[in-house]
Amino acid sequence: MLGKSDEHVFLSALILLGLIFFGFFLLANTGLLQLALTSDRSMISWVILALYSLATMHWLFRAKALDRETALCRSVEASQPIATNLNDSYVALALNTPTDTVADRQHLLDTLGDELTNTHAAGHFVADLLLKLGLTGTVIGFILMLLPIGEIDQFDPSLMQQLLAAMSGGMAVALYTTLAGLVTSTLLKLQYYLLDSALANLVNRLSLLGATAIVNE
């Protein structure tokens, strides 16, 4: 039997999103978010935040879709008829598609389960991409930090302050992009873990419903 978090995936997603927004609000309220964005001369932190926002929108869309599929499963388990014109529903497709043999039914369920799993592939890819972008920012930051050293022709104590300022700017790029990549990648992995858990339960329910349909036939 599914827990309440699996029965109401979209509600759980909204609660988690509210907590994430609250965390970003605290960062913005303390000035840390603005400091990180303005100190990043490479603009990679902006790219990371933009990709994270787009991936979160996709995550919410998938949570809503999973909620609908789970509701259809509950209707079937309660012996309530479902509409036959729900062509975009995996549950309706799995239960309304006629099959001749048990092997055909199982093949259909396996195929639909794979397609459902693949709907989250983009989110996992973006989560890994965010981490890679953060590491790329680290490399760029160190390059920016070391560039002023290579331009020194002779030792001049009066230039040390300018040199240290330029090096600190490069270090800021390295640290802030790494932090942005780590935080957003971890958050996105957590978000899709919530969906993956609900999706695994949905696939199991589809298999049980398909097996019940085979027995009834």
N, C-alpha and C. Protein backbone atom coordinates (compact mmCIF):
# COMPACT_ATOMS: atom_id res chain seq x y z
N MET A 1 0.85 -1.19 0.00
CA MET A 1 0.00 0.00 0.00
C MET A 1 0.88 1.24 0.00
N LEU A 2 0.53 2.23 -0.78
CA LEU A 2 1.32 3.44 -0.89
C LEU A 2 1.09 4.35 0.32
N GLY A 3 2.14 5.08 0.66
CA GLY A 3 1.99 6.07 1.71
C GLY A 3 1.35 7.32 1.16
N LYS A 4 1.02 8.22 2.07
CA LYS A 4 0.35 9.44 1.65
C LYS A 4 1.23 10.29 0.75
N SER A 5 2.54 10.26 0.97
CA SER A 5 3.43 11.04 0.12
C SER A 5 3.41 10.54 -1.31
N ASP A 6 3.18 9.23 -1.51
CA ASP A 6 3.10 8.68 -2.85
C ASP A 6 1.74 8.92 -3.46
N GLU A 7 0.71 9.01 -2.62
CA GLU A 7 -0.64 9.23 -3.12
C GLU A 7 -0.83 10.67 -3.60
N HIS A 8 -0.10 11.60 -3.03
CA HIS A 8 -0.24 13.01 -3.38
C HIS A 8 1.14 13.56 -3.71
N VAL A 9 1.65 13.17 -4.85
CA VAL A 9 3.00 13.55 -5.24
C VAL A 9 3.10 15.05 -5.48
N PHE A 10 2.10 15.61 -6.13
CA PHE A 10 2.16 17.04 -6.47
C PHE A 10 2.13 17.89 -5.21
N LEU A 11 1.34 17.48 -4.23
CA LEU A 11 1.29 18.23 -2.97
C LEU A 11 2.64 18.17 -2.26
N SER A 12 3.25 17.00 -2.24
CA SER A 12 4.58 16.87 -1.64
C SER A 12 5.60 17.72 -2.38
N ALA A 13 5.46 17.76 -3.72
CA ALA A 13 6.38 18.58 -4.52
C ALA A 13 6.21 20.06 -4.20
N LEU A 14 4.98 20.50 -4.03
CA LEU A 14 4.74 21.91 -3.69
C LEU A 14 5.32 22.26 -2.32
N ILE A 15 5.18 21.34 -1.36
CA ILE A 15 5.74 21.58 -0.03
C ILE A 15 7.27 21.69 -0.10
N LEU A 16 7.89 20.76 -0.83
CA LEU A 16 9.35 20.79 -0.98
C LEU A 16 9.79 22.06 -1.71
N LEU A 17 9.04 22.46 -2.73
CA LEU A 17 9.38 23.67 -3.46
C LEU A 17 9.26 24.91 -2.58
N GLY A 18 8.25 24.91 -1.70
CA GLY A 18 8.10 26.02 -0.76
C GLY A 18 9.29 26.13 0.18
N LEU A 19 9.80 24.99 0.64
CA LEU A 19 10.98 25.00 1.51
C LEU A 19 12.21 25.50 0.76
N ILE A 20 12.33 25.10 -0.52
CA ILE A 20 13.46 25.56 -1.32
C ILE A 20 13.39 27.07 -1.54
N PHE A 21 12.19 27.57 -1.87
CA PHE A 21 12.01 29.01 -2.04
C PHE A 21 12.33 29.77 -0.76
N PHE A 22 11.94 29.19 0.37
CA PHE A 22 12.24 29.83 1.65
C PHE A 22 13.74 29.90 1.89
N GLY A 23 14.45 28.84 1.52
CA GLY A 23 15.90 28.86 1.66
C GLY A 23 16.54 29.92 0.79
N PHE A 24 16.08 30.04 -0.48
CA PHE A 24 16.61 31.08 -1.35
C PHE A 24 16.24 32.48 -0.84
N PHE A 25 15.06 32.59 -0.25
CA PHE A 25 14.65 33.88 0.32
C PHE A 25 15.58 34.29 1.45
N LEU A 26 15.94 33.34 2.29
CA LEU A 26 16.86 33.65 3.38
C LEU A 26 18.22 34.09 2.84
N LEU A 27 18.69 33.39 1.80
CA LEU A 27 19.97 33.77 1.20
C LEU A 27 19.91 35.18 0.60
N ALA A 28 18.78 35.48 -0.08
CA ALA A 28 18.63 36.81 -0.67
C ALA A 28 18.49 37.87 0.41
N ASN A 29 17.81 37.54 1.50
CA ASN A 29 17.58 38.51 2.57
C ASN A 29 18.87 38.87 3.30
N THR A 30 19.77 37.92 3.37
CA THR A 30 21.06 38.18 4.02
C THR A 30 22.08 38.78 3.06
N GLY A 31 21.74 38.85 1.77
CA GLY A 31 22.65 39.44 0.79
C GLY A 31 23.63 38.46 0.19
N LEU A 32 23.62 37.20 0.66
CA LEU A 32 24.59 36.23 0.16
C LEU A 32 24.31 35.86 -1.30
N LEU A 33 23.04 35.78 -1.67
CA LEU A 33 22.71 35.42 -3.04
C LEU A 33 23.16 36.50 -4.02
N GLN A 34 22.89 37.76 -3.69
CA GLN A 34 23.31 38.86 -4.55
C GLN A 34 24.84 38.92 -4.64
N LEU A 35 25.51 38.67 -3.52
CA LEU A 35 26.97 38.70 -3.50
C LEU A 35 27.55 37.62 -4.41
N ALA A 36 26.95 36.42 -4.35
CA ALA A 36 27.45 35.33 -5.18
C ALA A 36 27.25 35.62 -6.66
N LEU A 37 26.11 36.21 -7.01
CA LEU A 37 25.82 36.47 -8.43
C LEU A 37 26.65 37.63 -8.97
N THR A 38 26.80 38.67 -8.18
CA THR A 38 27.56 39.83 -8.66
C THR A 38 29.06 39.58 -8.68
N SER A 39 29.55 38.66 -7.85
CA SER A 39 30.98 38.38 -7.79
C SER A 39 31.43 37.41 -8.87
N ASP A 40 30.47 36.78 -9.54
CA ASP A 40 30.80 35.79 -10.57
C ASP A 40 30.93 36.48 -11.93
N ARG A 41 32.15 36.79 -12.32
CA ARG A 41 32.38 37.44 -13.61
C ARG A 41 32.16 36.51 -14.79
N SER A 42 32.22 35.22 -14.55
CA SER A 42 32.03 34.26 -15.65
C SER A 42 30.56 34.07 -16.02
N MET A 43 29.63 34.52 -15.17
CA MET A 43 28.18 34.40 -15.37
C MET A 43 27.70 32.95 -15.35
N ILE A 44 28.56 32.04 -14.93
CA ILE A 44 28.15 30.62 -14.88
C ILE A 44 27.09 30.41 -13.81
N SER A 45 27.15 31.16 -12.73
CA SER A 45 26.14 31.01 -11.68
C SER A 45 24.75 31.37 -12.20
N TRP A 46 24.67 32.38 -13.08
CA TRP A 46 23.39 32.73 -13.68
C TRP A 46 22.89 31.60 -14.56
N VAL A 47 23.79 30.99 -15.32
CA VAL A 47 23.40 29.86 -16.17
C VAL A 47 22.91 28.69 -15.32
N ILE A 48 23.60 28.43 -14.22
CA ILE A 48 23.21 27.34 -13.33
C ILE A 48 21.82 27.58 -12.76
N LEU A 49 21.56 28.80 -12.29
CA LEU A 49 20.24 29.11 -11.74
C LEU A 49 19.14 29.03 -12.79
N ALA A 50 19.45 29.46 -14.03
CA ALA A 50 18.45 29.38 -15.10
C ALA A 50 18.12 27.93 -15.43
N LEU A 51 19.15 27.09 -15.54
CA LEU A 51 18.91 25.67 -15.83
C LEU A 51 18.16 25.00 -14.68
N TYR A 52 18.51 25.36 -13.46
CA TYR A 52 17.81 24.78 -12.31
C TYR A 52 16.34 25.18 -12.30
N SER A 53 16.04 26.42 -12.66
CA SER A 53 14.65 26.87 -12.71
C SER A 53 13.86 26.11 -13.77
N LEU A 54 14.46 25.92 -14.95
CA LEU A 54 13.79 25.18 -16.01
C LEU A 54 13.56 23.72 -15.61
N ALA A 55 14.57 23.12 -15.00
CA ALA A 55 14.43 21.72 -14.56
C ALA A 55 13.37 21.59 -13.47
N THR A 56 13.25 22.60 -12.61
CA THR A 56 12.23 22.56 -11.56
C THR A 56 10.83 22.65 -12.15
N MET A 57 10.67 23.45 -13.22
CA MET A 57 9.38 23.51 -13.90
C MET A 57 9.02 22.16 -14.50
N HIS A 58 10.01 21.50 -15.10
CA HIS A 58 9.78 20.14 -15.64
C HIS A 58 9.43 19.18 -14.51
N TRP A 59 10.09 19.33 -13.37
CA TRP A 59 9.84 18.47 -12.21
C TRP A 59 8.40 18.64 -11.71
N LEU A 60 7.93 19.86 -11.64
CA LEU A 60 6.55 20.10 -11.23
C LEU A 60 5.55 19.51 -12.23
N PHE A 61 5.86 19.64 -13.51
CA PHE A 61 4.99 19.07 -14.54
C PHE A 61 4.91 17.56 -14.41
N ARG A 62 6.04 16.91 -14.17
CA ARG A 62 6.05 15.45 -14.00
C ARG A 62 5.34 15.04 -12.71
N ALA A 63 5.47 15.84 -11.66
CA ALA A 63 4.77 15.53 -10.41
C ALA A 63 3.26 15.57 -10.62
N LYS A 64 2.79 16.57 -11.36
CA LYS A 64 1.36 16.66 -11.66
C LYS A 64 0.90 15.49 -12.49
N ALA A 65 1.71 15.09 -13.48
CA ALA A 65 1.35 13.94 -14.32
C ALA A 65 1.31 12.65 -13.51
N LEU A 66 2.27 12.47 -12.60
CA LEU A 66 2.28 11.27 -11.76
C LEU A 66 1.07 11.25 -10.83
N ASP A 67 0.67 12.41 -10.35
CA ASP A 67 -0.52 12.49 -9.51
C ASP A 67 -1.76 12.00 -10.28
N ARG A 68 -1.84 12.40 -11.54
CA ARG A 68 -2.99 11.98 -12.34
C ARG A 68 -2.96 10.47 -12.59
N GLU A 69 -1.78 9.93 -12.89
CA GLU A 69 -1.67 8.49 -13.12
C GLU A 69 -2.02 7.70 -11.86
N THR A 70 -1.55 8.21 -10.71
CA THR A 70 -1.84 7.53 -9.45
C THR A 70 -3.33 7.57 -9.13
N ALA A 71 -3.97 8.69 -9.46
CA ALA A 71 -5.42 8.79 -9.25
C ALA A 71 -6.17 7.78 -10.12
N LEU A 72 -5.70 7.58 -11.35
CA LEU A 72 -6.33 6.58 -12.21
C LEU A 72 -6.14 5.17 -11.65
N CYS A 73 -4.97 4.92 -11.09
CA CYS A 73 -4.73 3.62 -10.46
C CYS A 73 -5.69 3.39 -9.29
N ARG A 74 -5.89 4.42 -8.50
CA ARG A 74 -6.83 4.29 -7.37
C ARG A 74 -8.24 4.01 -7.88
N SER A 75 -8.62 4.65 -8.98
CA SER A 75 -9.95 4.42 -9.54
C SER A 75 -10.12 2.98 -10.01
N VAL A 76 -9.09 2.46 -10.65
CA VAL A 76 -9.16 1.08 -11.13
C VAL A 76 -9.18 0.11 -9.96
N GLU A 77 -8.36 0.36 -8.95
CA GLU A 77 -8.33 -0.51 -7.78
C GLU A 77 -9.65 -0.48 -7.03
N ALA A 78 -10.37 0.63 -7.14
CA ALA A 78 -11.69 0.74 -6.51
C ALA A 78 -12.80 0.23 -7.43
N SER A 79 -12.40 -0.41 -8.53
CA SER A 79 -13.35 -0.99 -9.50
C SER A 79 -14.21 0.08 -10.15
N GLN A 80 -13.66 1.27 -10.32
CA GLN A 80 -14.36 2.33 -11.02
C GLN A 80 -13.86 2.38 -12.46
N PRO A 81 -14.75 2.54 -13.43
CA PRO A 81 -14.32 2.59 -14.83
C PRO A 81 -13.54 3.86 -15.12
N ILE A 82 -12.60 3.76 -16.06
CA ILE A 82 -11.84 4.93 -16.48
C ILE A 82 -12.15 5.21 -17.94
N ALA A 83 -11.97 6.45 -18.32
CA ALA A 83 -12.29 6.83 -19.69
C ALA A 83 -11.36 6.15 -20.68
N THR A 84 -11.91 5.70 -21.77
CA THR A 84 -11.11 5.01 -22.78
C THR A 84 -10.42 5.98 -23.73
N ASN A 85 -10.72 7.27 -23.63
CA ASN A 85 -10.13 8.24 -24.54
C ASN A 85 -8.92 8.95 -23.93
N LEU A 86 -8.41 8.44 -22.83
CA LEU A 86 -7.23 9.04 -22.21
C LEU A 86 -5.98 8.49 -22.88
N ASN A 87 -5.72 8.92 -24.09
CA ASN A 87 -4.61 8.37 -24.86
C ASN A 87 -3.26 8.80 -24.31
N ASP A 88 -3.22 9.91 -23.57
CA ASP A 88 -1.96 10.37 -23.02
C ASP A 88 -1.69 9.82 -21.63
N SER A 89 -2.50 8.90 -21.17
CA SER A 89 -2.34 8.30 -19.86
C SER A 89 -1.73 6.91 -20.01
N TYR A 90 -0.65 6.67 -19.27
CA TYR A 90 -0.01 5.36 -19.31
C TYR A 90 -0.89 4.29 -18.67
N VAL A 91 -1.59 4.66 -17.62
CA VAL A 91 -2.46 3.69 -16.94
C VAL A 91 -3.59 3.26 -17.86
N ALA A 92 -4.26 4.23 -18.49
CA ALA A 92 -5.34 3.89 -19.40
C ALA A 92 -4.84 3.08 -20.58
N LEU A 93 -3.65 3.44 -21.08
CA LEU A 93 -3.08 2.70 -22.20
C LEU A 93 -2.75 1.27 -21.81
N ALA A 94 -2.23 1.09 -20.59
CA ALA A 94 -1.86 -0.25 -20.15
C ALA A 94 -3.08 -1.14 -19.95
N LEU A 95 -4.18 -0.56 -19.48
CA LEU A 95 -5.35 -1.37 -19.14
C LEU A 95 -6.35 -1.48 -20.28
N ASN A 96 -6.34 -0.53 -21.20
CA ASN A 96 -7.32 -0.54 -22.29
C ASN A 96 -6.79 -1.13 -23.59
N THR A 97 -5.47 -1.35 -23.66
CA THR A 97 -4.91 -1.93 -24.87
C THR A 97 -5.14 -3.43 -24.88
N PRO A 98 -5.83 -3.97 -25.88
CA PRO A 98 -6.09 -5.42 -25.92
C PRO A 98 -4.82 -6.20 -26.24
N THR A 99 -4.64 -7.31 -25.57
CA THR A 99 -3.50 -8.20 -25.83
C THR A 99 -4.03 -9.62 -25.96
N ASP A 100 -3.34 -10.41 -26.80
CA ASP A 100 -3.78 -11.77 -27.08
C ASP A 100 -3.26 -12.78 -26.07
N THR A 101 -2.04 -12.56 -25.59
CA THR A 101 -1.42 -13.53 -24.69
C THR A 101 -0.89 -12.84 -23.44
N VAL A 102 -0.55 -13.69 -22.47
CA VAL A 102 0.04 -13.17 -21.23
C VAL A 102 1.39 -12.51 -21.53
N ALA A 103 2.16 -13.09 -22.45
CA ALA A 103 3.46 -12.53 -22.80
C ALA A 103 3.31 -11.14 -23.43
N ASP A 104 2.29 -10.98 -24.26
CA ASP A 104 2.05 -9.67 -24.87
C ASP A 104 1.70 -8.63 -23.81
N ARG A 105 0.87 -9.03 -22.85
CA ARG A 105 0.48 -8.11 -21.78
C ARG A 105 1.70 -7.71 -20.95
N GLN A 106 2.56 -8.68 -20.62
CA GLN A 106 3.74 -8.37 -19.83
C GLN A 106 4.71 -7.49 -20.61
N HIS A 107 4.83 -7.76 -21.92
CA HIS A 107 5.70 -6.92 -22.75
C HIS A 107 5.19 -5.48 -22.81
N LEU A 108 3.89 -5.32 -22.89
CA LEU A 108 3.29 -3.99 -22.90
C LEU A 108 3.58 -3.27 -21.59
N LEU A 109 3.42 -3.96 -20.48
CA LEU A 109 3.66 -3.34 -19.17
C LEU A 109 5.12 -2.97 -19.00
N ASP A 110 6.02 -3.84 -19.47
CA ASP A 110 7.45 -3.54 -19.37
C ASP A 110 7.81 -2.32 -20.21
N THR A 111 7.23 -2.23 -21.40
CA THR A 111 7.51 -1.10 -22.28
C THR A 111 7.01 0.20 -21.67
N LEU A 112 5.80 0.17 -21.14
CA LEU A 112 5.25 1.38 -20.51
C LEU A 112 6.04 1.77 -19.27
N GLY A 113 6.52 0.77 -18.52
CA GLY A 113 7.35 1.06 -17.35
C GLY A 113 8.66 1.73 -17.74
N ASP A 114 9.26 1.26 -18.84
CA ASP A 114 10.49 1.89 -19.32
C ASP A 114 10.24 3.31 -19.79
N GLU A 115 9.12 3.53 -20.48
CA GLU A 115 8.80 4.88 -20.95
C GLU A 115 8.55 5.83 -19.77
N LEU A 116 7.88 5.34 -18.75
CA LEU A 116 7.66 6.16 -17.57
C LEU A 116 8.98 6.52 -16.89
N THR A 117 9.88 5.55 -16.81
CA THR A 117 11.17 5.81 -16.19
C THR A 117 11.97 6.83 -16.99
N ASN A 118 11.88 6.76 -18.31
CA ASN A 118 12.64 7.67 -19.16
C ASN A 118 12.14 9.11 -19.08
N THR A 119 10.94 9.32 -18.57
CA THR A 119 10.43 10.69 -18.46
C THR A 119 11.24 11.52 -17.46
N HIS A 120 12.01 10.87 -16.60
CA HIS A 120 12.83 11.58 -15.61
C HIS A 120 14.28 11.69 -16.04
N ALA A 121 14.61 11.17 -17.22
CA ALA A 121 16.01 11.16 -17.66
C ALA A 121 16.54 12.59 -17.83
N ALA A 122 15.70 13.48 -18.35
CA ALA A 122 16.15 14.86 -18.56
C ALA A 122 16.51 15.54 -17.25
N GLY A 123 15.73 15.29 -16.20
CA GLY A 123 16.02 15.89 -14.91
C GLY A 123 17.32 15.41 -14.32
N HIS A 124 17.59 14.10 -14.43
CA HIS A 124 18.85 13.57 -13.92
C HIS A 124 20.03 14.09 -14.72
N PHE A 125 19.84 14.27 -16.03
CA PHE A 125 20.90 14.82 -16.87
C PHE A 125 21.22 16.25 -16.46
N VAL A 126 20.20 17.06 -16.22
CA VAL A 126 20.42 18.45 -15.82
C VAL A 126 21.10 18.51 -14.45
N ALA A 127 20.74 17.61 -13.54
CA ALA A 127 21.37 17.58 -12.22
C ALA A 127 22.87 17.33 -12.35
N ASP A 128 23.26 16.40 -13.21
CA ASP A 128 24.68 16.15 -13.44
C ASP A 128 25.33 17.33 -14.16
N LEU A 129 24.59 17.94 -15.09
CA LEU A 129 25.13 19.09 -15.83
C LEU A 129 25.41 20.27 -14.90
N LEU A 130 24.53 20.49 -13.93
CA LEU A 130 24.73 21.58 -12.98
C LEU A 130 26.03 21.39 -12.20
N LEU A 131 26.28 20.15 -11.80
CA LEU A 131 27.51 19.87 -11.06
C LEU A 131 28.73 20.09 -11.95
N LYS A 132 28.64 19.67 -13.22
CA LYS A 132 29.75 19.86 -14.15
C LYS A 132 29.99 21.34 -14.42
N LEU A 133 28.91 22.12 -14.52
CA LEU A 133 29.08 23.56 -14.72
C LEU A 133 29.76 24.21 -13.52
N GLY A 134 29.41 23.74 -12.32
CA GLY A 134 30.07 24.27 -11.13
C GLY A 134 31.56 23.97 -11.13
N LEU A 135 31.93 22.76 -11.55
CA LEU A 135 33.35 22.41 -11.62
C LEU A 135 34.05 23.18 -12.73
N THR A 136 33.33 23.45 -13.83
CA THR A 136 33.90 24.28 -14.89
C THR A 136 34.18 25.68 -14.39
N GLY A 137 33.26 26.22 -13.59
CA GLY A 137 33.47 27.52 -12.99
C GLY A 137 34.68 27.53 -12.07
N THR A 138 34.93 26.40 -11.40
CA THR A 138 36.10 26.31 -10.54
C THR A 138 37.38 26.47 -11.35
N VAL A 139 37.45 25.78 -12.48
CA VAL A 139 38.63 25.86 -13.34
C VAL A 139 38.80 27.27 -13.89
N ILE A 140 37.69 27.86 -14.36
CA ILE A 140 37.76 29.23 -14.89
C ILE A 140 38.19 30.21 -13.81
N GLY A 141 37.68 30.03 -12.60
CA GLY A 141 38.07 30.91 -11.51
C GLY A 141 39.55 30.84 -11.20
N PHE A 142 40.11 29.64 -11.20
CA PHE A 142 41.55 29.51 -10.94
C PHE A 142 42.37 30.11 -12.08
N ILE A 143 41.88 30.00 -13.31
CA ILE A 143 42.57 30.62 -14.44
C ILE A 143 42.58 32.14 -14.27
N LEU A 144 41.41 32.69 -13.91
CA LEU A 144 41.33 34.14 -13.69
C LEU A 144 42.20 34.58 -12.52
N MET A 145 42.36 33.70 -11.53
CA MET A 145 43.16 34.04 -10.37
C MET A 145 44.65 34.04 -10.71
N LEU A 146 45.07 33.15 -11.60
CA LEU A 146 46.49 33.03 -11.92
C LEU A 146 46.94 33.94 -13.05
N LEU A 147 46.00 34.46 -13.84
CA LEU A 147 46.37 35.33 -14.95
C LEU A 147 47.17 36.55 -14.52
N PRO A 148 46.76 37.26 -13.46
CA PRO A 148 47.55 38.44 -13.06
C PRO A 148 48.99 38.10 -12.69
N ILE A 149 49.22 36.90 -12.17
CA ILE A 149 50.59 36.52 -11.78
C ILE A 149 51.47 36.40 -13.02
N GLY A 150 50.88 35.85 -14.09
CA GLY A 150 51.67 35.69 -15.31
C GLY A 150 51.99 37.00 -15.99
N GLU A 151 51.29 38.06 -15.66
CA GLU A 151 51.53 39.36 -16.29
C GLU A 151 52.55 40.21 -15.54
N ILE A 152 53.06 39.70 -14.41
CA ILE A 152 54.03 40.46 -13.64
C ILE A 152 55.40 40.39 -14.31
N ASP A 153 55.96 41.51 -14.64
CA ASP A 153 57.30 41.55 -15.25
C ASP A 153 58.39 41.75 -14.19
N GLN A 154 58.10 42.50 -13.17
CA GLN A 154 59.06 42.74 -12.11
C GLN A 154 58.30 42.93 -10.79
N PHE A 155 59.00 42.64 -9.72
CA PHE A 155 58.36 42.75 -8.41
C PHE A 155 58.24 44.21 -8.01
N ASP A 156 56.99 44.61 -7.75
CA ASP A 156 56.73 45.99 -7.35
C ASP A 156 55.75 45.96 -6.17
N PRO A 157 56.20 46.32 -4.99
CA PRO A 157 55.31 46.25 -3.81
C PRO A 157 54.04 47.08 -3.97
N SER A 158 54.10 48.15 -4.77
CA SER A 158 52.92 48.99 -4.93
C SER A 158 51.82 48.29 -5.74
N LEU A 159 52.20 47.27 -6.50
CA LEU A 159 51.22 46.55 -7.31
C LEU A 159 50.63 45.34 -6.59
N MET A 160 51.11 45.02 -5.42
CA MET A 160 50.65 43.83 -4.70
C MET A 160 49.17 43.91 -4.34
N GLN A 161 48.72 45.12 -3.97
CA GLN A 161 47.32 45.27 -3.60
C GLN A 161 46.41 45.00 -4.81
N GLN A 162 46.79 45.53 -5.97
CA GLN A 162 46.02 45.27 -7.18
C GLN A 162 46.07 43.79 -7.56
N LEU A 163 47.23 43.19 -7.38
CA LEU A 163 47.38 41.77 -7.69
C LEU A 163 46.50 40.91 -6.80
N LEU A 164 46.50 41.22 -5.51
CA LEU A 164 45.68 40.45 -4.57
C LEU A 164 44.19 40.65 -4.86
N ALA A 165 43.80 41.86 -5.26
CA ALA A 165 42.40 42.11 -5.59
C ALA A 165 41.97 41.30 -6.80
N ALA A 166 42.84 41.25 -7.82
CA ALA A 166 42.53 40.48 -9.02
C ALA A 166 42.47 38.99 -8.71
N MET A 167 43.36 38.51 -7.86
CA MET A 167 43.38 37.09 -7.49
C MET A 167 42.14 36.74 -6.67
N SER A 168 41.72 37.64 -5.79
CA SER A 168 40.53 37.36 -4.98
C SER A 168 39.28 37.30 -5.85
N GLY A 169 39.25 38.10 -6.95
CA GLY A 169 38.11 38.03 -7.87
C GLY A 169 38.03 36.68 -8.54
N GLY A 170 39.18 36.15 -8.96
CA GLY A 170 39.20 34.82 -9.56
C GLY A 170 38.82 33.74 -8.57
N MET A 171 39.29 33.86 -7.34
CA MET A 171 38.91 32.89 -6.30
C MET A 171 37.42 32.95 -6.02
N ALA A 172 36.82 34.14 -6.06
CA ALA A 172 35.38 34.27 -5.83
C ALA A 172 34.60 33.54 -6.92
N VAL A 173 35.06 33.66 -8.17
CA VAL A 173 34.40 32.95 -9.26
C VAL A 173 34.47 31.44 -9.02
N ALA A 174 35.63 30.96 -8.64
CA ALA A 174 35.81 29.53 -8.41
C ALA A 174 34.91 29.00 -7.29
N LEU A 175 34.86 29.75 -6.19
CA LEU A 175 34.11 29.28 -5.02
C LEU A 175 32.60 29.40 -5.24
N TYR A 176 32.14 30.51 -5.77
CA TYR A 176 30.70 30.72 -5.92
C TYR A 176 30.09 29.82 -6.99
N THR A 177 30.80 29.60 -8.10
CA THR A 177 30.26 28.69 -9.11
C THR A 177 30.24 27.25 -8.61
N THR A 178 31.26 26.88 -7.86
CA THR A 178 31.27 25.53 -7.27
C THR A 178 30.12 25.37 -6.30
N LEU A 179 29.91 26.37 -5.45
CA LEU A 179 28.81 26.31 -4.48
C LEU A 179 27.46 26.26 -5.18
N ALA A 180 27.28 27.09 -6.22
CA ALA A 180 26.01 27.10 -6.95
C ALA A 180 25.75 25.74 -7.61
N GLY A 181 26.78 25.16 -8.21
CA GLY A 181 26.61 23.86 -8.84
C GLY A 181 26.29 22.76 -7.85
N LEU A 182 26.98 22.75 -6.72
CA LEU A 182 26.75 21.72 -5.71
C LEU A 182 25.35 21.82 -5.11
N VAL A 183 24.94 23.04 -4.75
CA VAL A 183 23.64 23.23 -4.09
C VAL A 183 22.50 22.88 -5.03
N THR A 184 22.52 23.45 -6.24
CA THR A 184 21.41 23.20 -7.18
C THR A 184 21.37 21.74 -7.63
N SER A 185 22.54 21.13 -7.85
CA SER A 185 22.56 19.72 -8.25
C SER A 185 22.00 18.83 -7.15
N THR A 186 22.39 19.10 -5.90
CA THR A 186 21.88 18.31 -4.78
C THR A 186 20.37 18.49 -4.61
N LEU A 187 19.90 19.73 -4.72
CA LEU A 187 18.46 19.98 -4.60
C LEU A 187 17.68 19.28 -5.71
N LEU A 188 18.19 19.34 -6.94
CA LEU A 188 17.47 18.73 -8.05
C LEU A 188 17.46 17.21 -7.93
N LYS A 189 18.55 16.63 -7.45
CA LYS A 189 18.57 15.19 -7.23
C LYS A 189 17.56 14.79 -6.16
N LEU A 190 17.44 15.62 -5.10
CA LEU A 190 16.45 15.36 -4.06
C LEU A 190 15.04 15.46 -4.63
N GLN A 191 14.80 16.45 -5.48
CA GLN A 191 13.48 16.63 -6.07
C GLN A 191 13.10 15.42 -6.94
N TYR A 192 14.03 14.97 -7.76
CA TYR A 192 13.72 13.84 -8.63
C TYR A 192 13.73 12.51 -7.88
N TYR A 193 14.39 12.47 -6.73
CA TYR A 193 14.28 11.27 -5.89
C TYR A 193 12.84 11.09 -5.42
N LEU A 194 12.20 12.20 -5.08
CA LEU A 194 10.78 12.15 -4.71
C LEU A 194 9.93 11.58 -5.84
N LEU A 195 10.20 12.03 -7.07
CA LEU A 195 9.43 11.52 -8.21
C LEU A 195 9.78 10.07 -8.51
N ASP A 196 11.06 9.72 -8.41
CA ASP A 196 11.48 8.34 -8.70
C ASP A 196 10.81 7.35 -7.75
N SER A 197 10.69 7.74 -6.49
CA SER A 197 10.04 6.87 -5.51
C SER A 197 8.58 6.66 -5.87
N ALA A 198 7.88 7.75 -6.21
CA ALA A 198 6.48 7.63 -6.60
C ALA A 198 6.33 6.86 -7.91
N LEU A 199 7.28 7.06 -8.82
CA LEU A 199 7.21 6.37 -10.11
C LEU A 199 7.41 4.87 -9.94
N ALA A 200 8.34 4.48 -9.06
CA ALA A 200 8.56 3.05 -8.82
C ALA A 200 7.29 2.39 -8.28
N ASN A 201 6.60 3.06 -7.38
CA ASN A 201 5.36 2.52 -6.84
C ASN A 201 4.27 2.46 -7.90
N LEU A 202 4.25 3.47 -8.78
CA LEU A 202 3.26 3.47 -9.86
C LEU A 202 3.49 2.30 -10.81
N VAL A 203 4.74 2.06 -11.17
CA VAL A 203 5.06 0.94 -12.06
C VAL A 203 4.67 -0.39 -11.41
N ASN A 204 4.93 -0.53 -10.11
CA ASN A 204 4.53 -1.76 -9.40
C ASN A 204 3.02 -1.93 -9.42
N ARG A 205 2.30 -0.84 -9.25
CA ARG A 205 0.84 -0.92 -9.27
C ARG A 205 0.32 -1.28 -10.67
N LEU A 206 0.98 -0.75 -11.67
CA LEU A 206 0.61 -1.11 -13.04
C LEU A 206 0.80 -2.59 -13.29
N SER A 207 1.92 -3.13 -12.78
CA SER A 207 2.18 -4.56 -12.96
C SER A 207 1.12 -5.40 -12.24
N LEU A 208 0.74 -4.98 -11.02
CA LEU A 208 -0.28 -5.72 -10.29
C LEU A 208 -1.64 -5.63 -10.99
N LEU A 209 -1.96 -4.44 -11.50
CA LEU A 209 -3.22 -4.28 -12.21
C LEU A 209 -3.23 -5.11 -13.50
N GLY A 210 -2.07 -5.15 -14.20
CA GLY A 210 -1.98 -5.94 -15.40
C GLY A 210 -2.12 -7.43 -15.10
N ALA A 211 -1.49 -7.88 -14.01
CA ALA A 211 -1.62 -9.28 -13.63
C ALA A 211 -3.05 -9.62 -13.25
N THR A 212 -3.73 -8.70 -12.58
CA THR A 212 -5.14 -8.92 -12.24
C THR A 212 -5.99 -9.01 -13.49
N ALA A 213 -5.69 -8.15 -14.46
CA ALA A 213 -6.44 -8.20 -15.71
C ALA A 213 -6.24 -9.52 -16.44
N ILE A 214 -5.01 -10.04 -16.39
CA ILE A 214 -4.73 -11.32 -17.04
C ILE A 214 -5.49 -12.45 -16.38
N VAL A 215 -5.55 -12.44 -15.02
CA VAL A 215 -6.28 -13.48 -14.30
C VAL A 215 -7.77 -13.41 -14.63
N ASN A 216 -8.30 -12.19 -14.68
CA ASN A 216 -9.74 -12.03 -14.98
C ASN A 216 -10.08 -12.46 -16.39
N GLU A 217 -9.11 -12.35 -17.31
CA GLU A 217 -9.38 -12.79 -18.66
C GLU A 217 -9.44 -14.31 -18.74
